[in-house]
Amino acid sequence: MYMPPVGMGSYGILPAMAGGIVESLIEASREIAAAKAKGAVKAKRSRGRNASHAADGALWRALSARVAPLLAKRGAQAKLGRELGVSRQQIYAYFKSRTAAPDAERVLRLIVWLALAEAEEAQNAKPSVKAKG
């Protein structure tokens, strides 16, 4: 199956941008470990139709919470689907209905896409300063 390459854009070194995403996932992982140590985490039952258990994981919820605002624009689901090599409907299943979860390769590609999208949003949010002269 062909999956198109995820571009680096004009933002420079990608690991620096992905740092915030990775830090938030590490924090979610620590919260899960602390909750398990206290015995507060119980296994969830399947929601039928062989729903993936990965879609119920706290790390996936943390990652999908960062992706969700970026999917609000018209055409964003289709655009992300092209980046990950899946249909718009599959993106809906990942992030809205939570009846599916992507494989490891697509999760890594999603992290790269998220880092680039957040960097682009931050760059667009900065007010442009024009020099008078």
Protein backbone atom coordinates (compact mmCIF):
# COMPACT_ATOMS: atom_id res chain seq x y z
CA MET A 1 0.00 0.00 0.00
CA TYR A 2 1.39 3.39 -0.99
CA MET A 3 1.52 6.18 1.56
CA PRO A 4 2.69 9.61 0.38
CA PRO A 5 5.64 11.17 2.21
CA VAL A 6 4.92 13.71 4.90
CA GLY A 7 6.66 16.97 4.04
CA MET A 8 8.93 18.94 6.33
CA GLY A 9 7.88 22.31 4.91
CA SER A 10 9.94 25.39 5.55
CA TYR A 11 9.94 25.00 9.32
CA GLY A 12 13.41 23.53 9.78
CA ILE A 13 14.15 20.64 12.08
CA LEU A 14 11.06 18.58 12.86
CA PRO A 15 12.07 17.05 16.23
CA ALA A 16 12.08 20.49 17.85
CA MET A 17 8.46 21.04 16.78
CA ALA A 18 7.34 17.55 17.78
CA GLY A 19 8.76 18.09 21.27
CA GLY A 20 5.57 19.63 22.63
CA ILE A 21 3.47 16.77 21.33
CA VAL A 22 5.83 14.18 22.76
CA GLU A 23 5.93 16.01 26.11
CA SER A 24 2.14 16.00 26.35
CA LEU A 25 2.03 12.29 25.53
CA ILE A 26 4.71 11.58 28.15
CA GLU A 27 2.65 13.52 30.71
CA ALA A 28 -0.46 11.50 29.79
CA SER A 29 1.58 8.32 30.15
CA ARG A 30 2.72 9.37 33.63
CA GLU A 31 -0.88 10.08 34.62
CA ILE A 32 -1.90 6.62 33.43
CA ALA A 33 0.92 4.98 35.38
CA ALA A 34 -0.01 6.91 38.53
CA ALA A 35 -3.67 5.97 38.17
CA LYS A 36 -2.77 2.30 37.63
CA ALA A 37 -0.56 2.38 40.71
CA LYS A 38 -3.53 3.65 42.73
CA GLY A 39 -5.77 0.99 41.20
CA ALA A 40 -8.10 3.60 39.72
CA VAL A 41 -7.89 2.38 36.12
CA LYS A 42 -10.32 -0.35 35.10
CA ALA A 43 -10.45 -2.04 31.73
CA LYS A 44 -13.20 -0.77 29.47
CA ARG A 45 -15.53 -3.16 27.75
CA SER A 46 -15.62 -3.28 23.99
CA ARG A 47 -18.30 -1.13 22.39
CA GLY A 48 -19.27 -3.79 19.92
CA ARG A 49 -18.46 -4.38 16.28
CA ASN A 50 -14.90 -5.31 17.27
CA ALA A 51 -13.93 -1.74 18.18
CA SER A 52 -10.23 -1.36 18.66
CA HIS A 53 -9.08 -1.19 22.27
CA ALA A 54 -6.36 1.22 21.17
CA ALA A 55 -9.05 3.84 20.50
CA ASP A 56 -9.87 3.76 24.22
CA GLY A 57 -6.30 4.37 25.42
CA ALA A 58 -5.40 7.51 27.34
CA LEU A 59 -2.42 8.26 25.11
CA TRP A 60 -4.61 8.07 22.02
CA ARG A 61 -7.18 10.34 23.69
CA ALA A 62 -4.43 12.86 24.49
CA LEU A 63 -3.18 12.82 20.91
CA SER A 64 -6.64 12.99 19.37
CA ALA A 65 -7.57 15.91 21.65
CA ARG A 66 -4.72 17.87 20.06
CA VAL A 67 -5.81 16.87 16.55
CA ALA A 68 -9.55 17.55 16.96
CA PRO A 69 -9.42 21.38 16.75
CA LEU A 70 -7.42 21.13 13.53
CA LEU A 71 -10.13 19.00 11.93
CA ALA A 72 -12.87 21.59 12.42
CA LYS A 73 -12.18 23.41 9.14
CA ARG A 74 -13.97 22.35 6.00
CA GLY A 75 -11.94 19.73 4.12
CA ALA A 76 -9.48 19.14 6.96
CA GLN A 77 -10.49 15.49 7.42
CA ALA A 78 -10.00 14.75 3.73
CA LYS A 79 -6.65 16.55 3.77
CA LEU A 80 -5.44 14.55 6.77
CA GLY A 81 -6.75 11.37 5.15
CA ARG A 82 -4.58 12.05 2.10
CA GLU A 83 -1.55 12.59 4.36
CA LEU A 84 -2.15 9.31 6.19
CA GLY A 85 -3.24 7.33 3.15
CA VAL A 86 -6.78 6.63 4.40
CA SER A 87 -10.26 7.87 3.53
CA ARG A 88 -12.07 10.79 5.15
CA GLN A 89 -14.47 8.25 6.64
CA GLN A 90 -11.57 6.48 8.32
CA ILE A 91 -10.42 9.79 9.83
CA TYR A 92 -13.96 10.19 11.19
CA ALA A 93 -13.73 6.71 12.70
CA TYR A 94 -10.41 7.59 14.35
CA PHE A 95 -11.35 10.95 15.87
CA LYS A 96 -15.15 11.29 16.10
CA SER A 97 -16.83 7.91 16.47
CA ARG A 98 -13.71 6.26 17.96
CA THR A 99 -14.58 2.91 16.41
CA ALA A 100 -11.10 2.49 14.95
CA ALA A 101 -7.51 3.38 15.70
CA PRO A 102 -4.64 3.87 13.26
CA ASP A 103 -1.69 1.52 13.08
CA ALA A 104 1.73 2.53 14.46
CA GLU A 105 3.03 3.92 11.16
CA ARG A 106 0.01 6.18 10.78
CA VAL A 107 0.26 7.36 14.39
CA LEU A 108 3.86 8.42 13.75
CA ARG A 109 2.82 10.16 10.54
CA LEU A 110 -0.01 11.83 12.48
CA ILE A 111 2.48 13.19 15.04
CA VAL A 112 4.56 14.67 12.21
CA TRP A 113 1.45 16.17 10.60
CA LEU A 114 0.30 17.59 13.93
CA ALA A 115 3.68 19.21 14.60
CA LEU A 116 3.64 20.85 11.17
CA ALA A 117 0.01 21.95 11.47
CA GLU A 118 0.52 23.46 14.94
CA ALA A 119 3.67 25.26 13.77
CA GLU A 120 1.78 26.65 10.78
CA GLU A 121 -1.08 27.83 13.01
CA ALA A 122 1.36 29.49 15.41
CA GLN A 123 3.09 31.22 12.53
CA ASN A 124 -0.24 32.42 11.09
CA ALA A 125 -1.37 33.64 14.53
CA LYS A 126 1.62 35.96 14.93
CA PRO A 127 0.80 39.49 13.87
CA SER A 128 2.95 40.50 10.94
CA VAL A 129 5.07 43.54 11.65
CA LYS A 130 5.58 45.74 8.63
CA ALA A 131 8.45 48.17 8.62
CA LYS A 132 7.54 51.70 7.72
CA GLY A 133 9.94 53.43 5.53
